[in-house]
Amino acid sequence: MPSEITPAGLRERKKEETRRLLLEGAARLFKERGFEATTVADIAAHANVSVRTFFRYFESKEALLLPDGVEIFAYVEKALSERPADEEPLDAVCNALLAAAKPFSASTLTALSHPVGDLENVITSRLVQAFSDFEERLTALVQRRLPPDTPDADLRAAVIACAALSAVRAVLRTRRARRAAGITDTGPAPLQQALGILRGIGSPERH
């Protein structure tokens, strides 16, 4: 391997490690102290970097509340590619979303144990927009799983992709409303519940 490639590779790995430490530190500090009581300096110290270095990775403390959309959707795409080819498309998408829920649950957003007021509304709105932007990509992935002779394959794929991501948005909206009302989630994981409801809509048992 050319010697000039190695330093670049090491730099990239170092940058990824620093970013990971900043996110992990923020998640832990937000959970322990709350968002308002945690400073950028606290988060930087956890990663053993300067405040100036922190701002090379994130434009603000608020930016840490948003999971990396590209990374989360990469998990969904990978999980979907690993589903059996003969699995029903809706089931495949739902199972892929459930698989991606684990890395999402480790994000700084879900680590919050204290309300953040109006800021939470902004965060949720941005997440909703991110999922909306992903619909086109997911639609294309679903369509590839459909048999070539599927009638209206483009429409069917779009309905499956949009319905599944709408279930995710419904979870975010419902959890926000519950938090505002002081209600604690109980029972199965909300996403699992939502996707179960989606799969049950229109089933013969319901008629």
C-alpha atoms as a PDB file:
ATOM      1  CA  MET A   1       0.000   0.000   0.000  1.00  0.00           C
ATOM      2  CA  PRO A   2       1.419   3.443  -0.876  1.00  0.00           C
ATOM      3  CA  SER A   3       2.722   5.178   2.203  1.00  0.00           C
ATOM      4  CA  GLU A   4       0.765   8.363   1.497  1.00  0.00           C
ATOM      5  CA  ILE A   5      -2.592   6.511   1.853  1.00  0.00           C
ATOM      6  CA  THR A   6      -2.001   5.283   5.384  1.00  0.00           C
ATOM      7  CA  PRO A   7      -1.908   8.688   7.125  1.00  0.00           C
ATOM      8  CA  ALA A   8      -5.113   9.701   5.370  1.00  0.00           C
ATOM      9  CA  GLY A   9      -6.792   6.485   6.497  1.00  0.00           C
ATOM     10  CA  LEU A  10      -5.620   7.030  10.052  1.00  0.00           C
ATOM     11  CA  ARG A  11      -6.940  10.588  10.015  1.00  0.00           C
ATOM     12  CA  GLU A  12     -10.358   9.419   8.852  1.00  0.00           C
ATOM     13  CA  ARG A  13     -10.536   6.769  11.556  1.00  0.00           C
ATOM     14  CA  LYS A  14      -9.469   9.338  14.153  1.00  0.00           C
ATOM     15  CA  LYS A  15     -12.189  11.724  12.980  1.00  0.00           C
ATOM     16  CA  GLU A  16     -14.811   8.986  13.140  1.00  0.00           C
ATOM     17  CA  GLU A  17     -13.677   8.041  16.644  1.00  0.00           C
ATOM     18  CA  THR A  18     -13.813  11.658  17.826  1.00  0.00           C
ATOM     19  CA  ARG A  19     -17.305  12.092  16.409  1.00  0.00           C
ATOM     20  CA  ARG A  20     -18.434   8.889  18.094  1.00  0.00           C
ATOM     21  CA  LEU A  21     -17.030  10.004  21.448  1.00  0.00           C
ATOM     22  CA  LEU A  22     -18.762  13.372  21.166  1.00  0.00           C
ATOM     23  CA  LEU A  23     -22.105  11.701  20.454  1.00  0.00           C
ATOM     24  CA  GLU A  24     -21.685   9.138  23.230  1.00  0.00           C
ATOM     25  CA  GLY A  25     -20.642  11.797  25.706  1.00  0.00           C
ATOM     26  CA  ALA A  26     -23.585  14.004  24.790  1.00  0.00           C
ATOM     27  CA  ALA A  27     -26.021  11.104  25.138  1.00  0.00           C
ATOM     28  CA  ARG A  28     -24.736  10.264  28.604  1.00  0.00           C
ATOM     29  CA  LEU A  29     -24.558  13.855  29.826  1.00  0.00           C
ATOM     30  CA  PHE A  30     -28.008  14.763  28.475  1.00  0.00           C
ATOM     31  CA  LYS A  31     -29.438  11.763  30.282  1.00  0.00           C
ATOM     32  CA  GLU A  32     -27.643  12.484  33.554  1.00  0.00           C
ATOM     33  CA  ARG A  33     -27.910  16.275  33.685  1.00  0.00           C
ATOM     34  CA  GLY A  34     -30.478  17.271  31.106  1.00  0.00           C
ATOM     35  CA  PHE A  35     -29.897  19.209  27.920  1.00  0.00           C
ATOM     36  CA  GLU A  36     -29.850  22.706  29.395  1.00  0.00           C
ATOM     37  CA  ALA A  37     -27.376  21.849  32.157  1.00  0.00           C
ATOM     38  CA  THR A  38     -24.888  20.275  29.764  1.00  0.00           C
ATOM     39  CA  THR A  39     -22.403  22.609  28.090  1.00  0.00           C
ATOM     40  CA  VAL A  40     -20.400  22.238  24.897  1.00  0.00           C
ATOM     41  CA  ALA A  41     -17.271  22.309  27.059  1.00  0.00           C
ATOM     42  CA  ASP A  42     -18.585  19.324  29.057  1.00  0.00           C
ATOM     43  CA  ILE A  43     -19.171  17.334  25.894  1.00  0.00           C
ATOM     44  CA  ALA A  44     -15.793  18.264  24.428  1.00  0.00           C
ATOM     45  CA  ALA A  45     -14.042  17.255  27.647  1.00  0.00           C
ATOM     46  CA  HIS A  46     -15.682  13.834  27.498  1.00  0.00           C
ATOM     47  CA  ALA A  47     -14.106  13.287  24.083  1.00  0.00           C
ATOM     48  CA  ASN A  48     -10.819  14.810  25.270  1.00  0.00           C
ATOM     49  CA  VAL A  49     -10.919  17.541  22.632  1.00  0.00           C
ATOM     50  CA  SER A  50     -11.146  21.315  22.696  1.00  0.00           C
ATOM     51  CA  VAL A  51     -14.311  23.340  22.251  1.00  0.00           C
ATOM     52  CA  ARG A  52     -12.879  24.580  18.950  1.00  0.00           C
ATOM     53  CA  THR A  53     -12.569  20.963  17.790  1.00  0.00           C
ATOM     54  CA  PHE A  54     -16.154  20.296  18.848  1.00  0.00           C
ATOM     55  CA  PHE A  55     -17.370  22.959  16.424  1.00  0.00           C
ATOM     56  CA  ARG A  56     -15.494  21.289  13.577  1.00  0.00           C
ATOM     57  CA  TYR A  57     -17.894  18.373  13.955  1.00  0.00           C
ATOM     58  CA  PHE A  58     -21.141  20.012  15.046  1.00  0.00           C
ATOM     59  CA  GLU A  59     -22.430  23.519  14.474  1.00  0.00           C
ATOM     60  CA  SER A  60     -24.156  23.647  17.880  1.00  0.00           C
ATOM     61  CA  LYS A  61     -25.167  21.638  20.927  1.00  0.00           C
ATOM     62  CA  GLU A  62     -28.636  21.333  19.400  1.00  0.00           C
ATOM     63  CA  ALA A  63     -27.182  19.528  16.380  1.00  0.00           C
ATOM     64  CA  LEU A  64     -26.262  16.653  18.682  1.00  0.00           C
ATOM     65  CA  LEU A  65     -29.938  15.989  19.315  1.00  0.00           C
ATOM     66  CA  LEU A  66     -30.498  14.897  15.735  1.00  0.00           C
ATOM     67  CA  PRO A  67     -29.365  11.380  14.852  1.00  0.00           C
ATOM     68  CA  ASP A  68     -27.314  11.165  11.681  1.00  0.00           C
ATOM     69  CA  GLY A  69     -30.030  10.625   9.069  1.00  0.00           C
ATOM     70  CA  VAL A  70     -27.608   9.221   6.501  1.00  0.00           C
ATOM     71  CA  GLU A  71     -26.318   6.705   9.032  1.00  0.00           C
ATOM     72  CA  ILE A  72     -29.776   5.679  10.252  1.00  0.00           C
ATOM     73  CA  PHE A  73     -31.090   5.182   6.721  1.00  0.00           C
ATOM     74  CA  ALA A  74     -27.966   3.206   5.848  1.00  0.00           C
ATOM     75  CA  TYR A  75     -28.946   0.812   8.640  1.00  0.00           C
ATOM     76  CA  VAL A  76     -32.441   0.515   7.147  1.00  0.00           C
ATOM     77  CA  GLU A  77     -31.096  -0.154   3.655  1.00  0.00           C
ATOM     78  CA  LYS A  78     -28.617  -2.747   4.922  1.00  0.00           C
ATOM     79  CA  ALA A  79     -31.268  -4.496   7.012  1.00  0.00           C
ATOM     80  CA  LEU A  80     -33.666  -4.527   4.060  1.00  0.00           C
ATOM     81  CA  SER A  81     -31.020  -6.032   1.769  1.00  0.00           C
ATOM     82  CA  GLU A  82     -30.577  -8.870   4.276  1.00  0.00           C
ATOM     83  CA  ARG A  83     -34.274  -9.823   4.390  1.00  0.00           C
ATOM     84  CA  PRO A  84     -35.309 -12.992   2.504  1.00  0.00           C
ATOM     85  CA  ALA A  85     -36.157 -12.315  -1.124  1.00  0.00           C
ATOM     86  CA  ASP A  86     -39.504 -14.099  -0.804  1.00  0.00           C
ATOM     87  CA  GLU A  87     -40.598 -12.146   2.267  1.00  0.00           C
ATOM     88  CA  GLU A  88     -43.686  -9.991   1.794  1.00  0.00           C
ATOM     89  CA  PRO A  89     -42.438  -6.463   0.943  1.00  0.00           C
ATOM     90  CA  LEU A  90     -44.320  -4.776   3.785  1.00  0.00           C
ATOM     91  CA  ASP A  91     -42.999  -7.319   6.288  1.00  0.00           C
ATOM     92  CA  ALA A  92     -39.482  -6.856   4.937  1.00  0.00           C
ATOM     93  CA  VAL A  93     -39.652  -3.079   5.325  1.00  0.00           C
ATOM     94  CA  CYS A  94     -41.148  -3.298   8.818  1.00  0.00           C
ATOM     95  CA  ASN A  95     -38.485  -5.765   9.938  1.00  0.00           C
ATOM     96  CA  ALA A  96     -35.768  -3.544   8.482  1.00  0.00           C
ATOM     97  CA  LEU A  97     -37.115  -0.540  10.390  1.00  0.00           C
ATOM     98  CA  LEU A  98     -37.205  -2.556  13.600  1.00  0.00           C
ATOM     99  CA  ALA A  99     -33.581  -3.599  13.032  1.00  0.00           C
ATOM    100  CA  ALA A 100     -32.609   0.057  12.578  1.00  0.00           C
ATOM    101  CA  ALA A 101     -34.417   1.023  15.774  1.00  0.00           C
ATOM    102  CA  LYS A 102     -31.536  -0.228  17.922  1.00  0.00           C
ATOM    103  CA  PRO A 103     -28.887   2.230  16.630  1.00  0.00           C
ATOM    104  CA  PHE A 104     -31.533   4.977  16.663  1.00  0.00           C
ATOM    105  CA  SER A 105     -32.324   4.206  20.319  1.00  0.00           C
ATOM    106  CA  ALA A 106     -28.673   4.828  21.199  1.00  0.00           C
ATOM    107  CA  SER A 107     -28.782   8.332  19.763  1.00  0.00           C
ATOM    108  CA  THR A 108     -28.590  11.518  21.787  1.00  0.00           C
ATOM    109  CA  LEU A 109     -32.228  12.307  21.034  1.00  0.00           C
ATOM    110  CA  THR A 110     -33.642   9.232  22.748  1.00  0.00           C
ATOM    111  CA  ALA A 111     -31.181   9.574  25.623  1.00  0.00           C
ATOM    112  CA  LEU A 112     -32.933  12.703  26.826  1.00  0.00           C
ATOM    113  CA  SER A 113     -34.627  12.193  30.178  1.00  0.00           C
ATOM    114  CA  HIS A 114     -35.696  15.817  30.631  1.00  0.00           C
ATOM    115  CA  PRO A 115     -38.140  17.768  28.415  1.00  0.00           C
ATOM    116  CA  VAL A 116     -36.528  20.408  26.214  1.00  0.00           C
ATOM    117  CA  GLY A 117     -39.609  22.509  25.535  1.00  0.00           C
ATOM    118  CA  ASP A 118     -40.086  24.037  22.123  1.00  0.00           C
ATOM    119  CA  LEU A 119     -36.744  22.655  20.988  1.00  0.00           C
ATOM    120  CA  GLU A 120     -38.197  19.153  21.004  1.00  0.00           C
ATOM    121  CA  ASN A 121     -40.858  20.245  18.510  1.00  0.00           C
ATOM    122  CA  VAL A 122     -38.136  21.517  16.185  1.00  0.00           C
ATOM    123  CA  ILE A 123     -36.175  18.281  16.516  1.00  0.00           C
ATOM    124  CA  THR A 124     -39.201  16.114  15.815  1.00  0.00           C
ATOM    125  CA  SER A 125     -40.137  18.241  12.805  1.00  0.00           C
ATOM    126  CA  ARG A 126     -36.646  17.810  11.365  1.00  0.00           C
ATOM    127  CA  LEU A 127     -36.814  14.053  11.892  1.00  0.00           C
ATOM    128  CA  VAL A 128     -40.193  13.928  10.168  1.00  0.00           C
ATOM    129  CA  GLN A 129     -38.717  15.818   7.204  1.00  0.00           C
ATOM    130  CA  ALA A 130     -35.737  13.461   7.087  1.00  0.00           C
ATOM    131  CA  PHE A 131     -38.017  10.432   6.909  1.00  0.00           C
ATOM    132  CA  SER A 132     -40.109  12.148   4.255  1.00  0.00           C
ATOM    133  CA  ASP A 133     -36.990  12.736   2.172  1.00  0.00           C
ATOM    134  CA  PHE A 134     -36.110   9.028   2.503  1.00  0.00           C
ATOM    135  CA  GLU A 135     -39.466   7.893   1.083  1.00  0.00           C
ATOM    136  CA  GLU A 136     -38.330   8.093  -2.543  1.00  0.00           C
ATOM    137  CA  ARG A 137     -35.215   6.025  -1.883  1.00  0.00           C
ATOM    138  CA  LEU A 138     -37.151   3.422   0.096  1.00  0.00           C
ATOM    139  CA  THR A 139     -39.821   3.264  -2.618  1.00  0.00           C
ATOM    140  CA  ALA A 140     -37.158   2.338  -5.169  1.00  0.00           C
ATOM    141  CA  LEU A 141     -35.758  -0.360  -2.878  1.00  0.00           C
ATOM    142  CA  VAL A 142     -39.209  -1.845  -2.313  1.00  0.00           C
ATOM    143  CA  GLN A 143     -39.997  -1.859  -6.017  1.00  0.00           C
ATOM    144  CA  ARG A 144     -36.886  -3.934  -6.678  1.00  0.00           C
ATOM    145  CA  ARG A 145     -38.289  -6.618  -4.369  1.00  0.00           C
ATOM    146  CA  LEU A 146     -41.575  -6.875  -6.269  1.00  0.00           C
ATOM    147  CA  PRO A 147     -42.026  -9.495  -9.003  1.00  0.00           C
ATOM    148  CA  PRO A 148     -41.460  -8.008 -12.478  1.00  0.00           C
ATOM    149  CA  ASP A 149     -45.088  -8.619 -13.459  1.00  0.00           C
ATOM    150  CA  THR A 150     -46.582  -6.846 -10.422  1.00  0.00           C
ATOM    151  CA  PRO A 151     -49.434  -4.554 -11.583  1.00  0.00           C
ATOM    152  CA  ASP A 152     -48.838  -0.894 -10.734  1.00  0.00           C
ATOM    153  CA  ALA A 153     -45.537  -1.849  -9.103  1.00  0.00           C
ATOM    154  CA  ASP A 154     -44.466   1.768  -8.715  1.00  0.00           C
ATOM    155  CA  LEU A 155     -47.661   2.686  -6.877  1.00  0.00           C
ATOM    156  CA  ARG A 156     -47.584  -0.437  -4.713  1.00  0.00           C
ATOM    157  CA  ALA A 157     -43.962   0.211  -3.728  1.00  0.00           C
ATOM    158  CA  ALA A 158     -44.723   3.842  -2.910  1.00  0.00           C
ATOM    159  CA  VAL A 159     -47.698   2.905  -0.721  1.00  0.00           C
ATOM    160  CA  ILE A 160     -45.635   0.343   1.212  1.00  0.00           C
ATOM    161  CA  ALA A 161     -42.679   2.687   1.726  1.00  0.00           C
ATOM    162  CA  CYS A 162     -44.773   5.721   2.658  1.00  0.00           C
ATOM    163  CA  ALA A 163     -47.054   3.738   4.984  1.00  0.00           C
ATOM    164  CA  ALA A 164     -44.117   2.226   6.855  1.00  0.00           C
ATOM    165  CA  LEU A 165     -42.357   5.562   7.295  1.00  0.00           C
ATOM    166  CA  SER A 166     -45.655   7.179   8.296  1.00  0.00           C
ATOM    167  CA  ALA A 167     -45.823   4.642  11.130  1.00  0.00           C
ATOM    168  CA  VAL A 168     -42.416   5.876  12.292  1.00  0.00           C
ATOM    169  CA  ARG A 169     -43.604   9.476  12.139  1.00  0.00           C
ATOM    170  CA  ALA A 170     -46.724   8.495  14.087  1.00  0.00           C
ATOM    171  CA  VAL A 171     -44.510   7.082  16.836  1.00  0.00           C
ATOM    172  CA  LEU A 172     -42.486  10.303  17.049  1.00  0.00           C
ATOM    173  CA  ARG A 173     -45.635  12.434  17.147  1.00  0.00           C
ATOM    174  CA  THR A 174     -47.362  10.239  19.732  1.00  0.00           C
ATOM    175  CA  ARG A 175     -44.336  10.049  22.005  1.00  0.00           C
ATOM    176  CA  ARG A 176     -43.998  13.825  21.882  1.00  0.00           C
ATOM    177  CA  ALA A 177     -47.668  14.239  22.824  1.00  0.00           C
ATOM    178  CA  ARG A 178     -47.371  11.702  25.623  1.00  0.00           C
ATOM    179  CA  ARG A 179     -44.287  13.389  26.995  1.00  0.00           C
ATOM    180  CA  ALA A 180     -46.056  16.750  26.944  1.00  0.00           C
ATOM    181  CA  ALA A 181     -48.947  15.180  28.876  1.00  0.00           C
ATOM    182  CA  GLY A 182     -46.597  13.592  31.404  1.00  0.00           C
ATOM    183  CA  ILE A 183     -47.427  10.073  30.227  1.00  0.00           C
ATOM    184  CA  THR A 184     -44.705   7.416  30.315  1.00  0.00           C
ATOM    185  CA  ASP A 185     -44.624   4.797  27.566  1.00  0.00           C
ATOM    186  CA  THR A 186     -45.373   1.290  28.834  1.00  0.00           C
ATOM    187  CA  GLY A 187     -45.730  -2.097  27.231  1.00  0.00           C
ATOM    188  CA  PRO A 188     -44.040  -3.085  23.942  1.00  0.00           C
ATOM    189  CA  ALA A 189     -41.740  -0.675  22.155  1.00  0.00           C
ATOM    190  CA  PRO A 190     -43.853   2.016  20.406  1.00  0.00           C
ATOM    191  CA  LEU A 191     -42.336   1.299  16.973  1.00  0.00           C
ATOM    192  CA  GLN A 192     -43.087  -2.390  17.310  1.00  0.00           C
ATOM    193  CA  GLN A 193     -46.653  -1.526  18.271  1.00  0.00           C
ATOM    194  CA  ALA A 194     -47.064   0.905  15.373  1.00  0.00           C
ATOM    195  CA  LEU A 195     -45.747  -1.508  12.765  1.00  0.00           C
ATOM    196  CA  GLY A 196     -47.940  -4.245  14.230  1.00  0.00           C
ATOM    197  CA  ILE A 197     -50.957  -2.000  13.761  1.00  0.00           C
ATOM    198  CA  LEU A 198     -49.887  -1.279  10.183  1.00  0.00           C
ATOM    199  CA  ARG A 199     -49.505  -4.959   9.360  1.00  0.00           C
ATOM    200  CA  GLY A 200     -52.922  -5.679  10.852  1.00  0.00           C
ATOM    201  CA  ILE A 201     -54.800  -3.086   8.816  1.00  0.00           C
ATOM    202  CA  GLY A 202     -56.814  -4.786   6.133  1.00  0.00           C
ATOM    203  CA  SER A 203     -56.093  -8.316   7.357  1.00  0.00           C
ATOM    204  CA  PRO A 204     -58.981 -10.835   7.057  1.00  0.00           C
ATOM    205  CA  GLU A 205     -59.273 -11.147  10.830  1.00  0.00           C
ATOM    206  CA  ARG A 206     -60.375  -7.495  11.005  1.00  0.00           C
ATOM    207  CA  HIS A 207     -63.426  -7.934   8.759  1.00  0.00           C
END
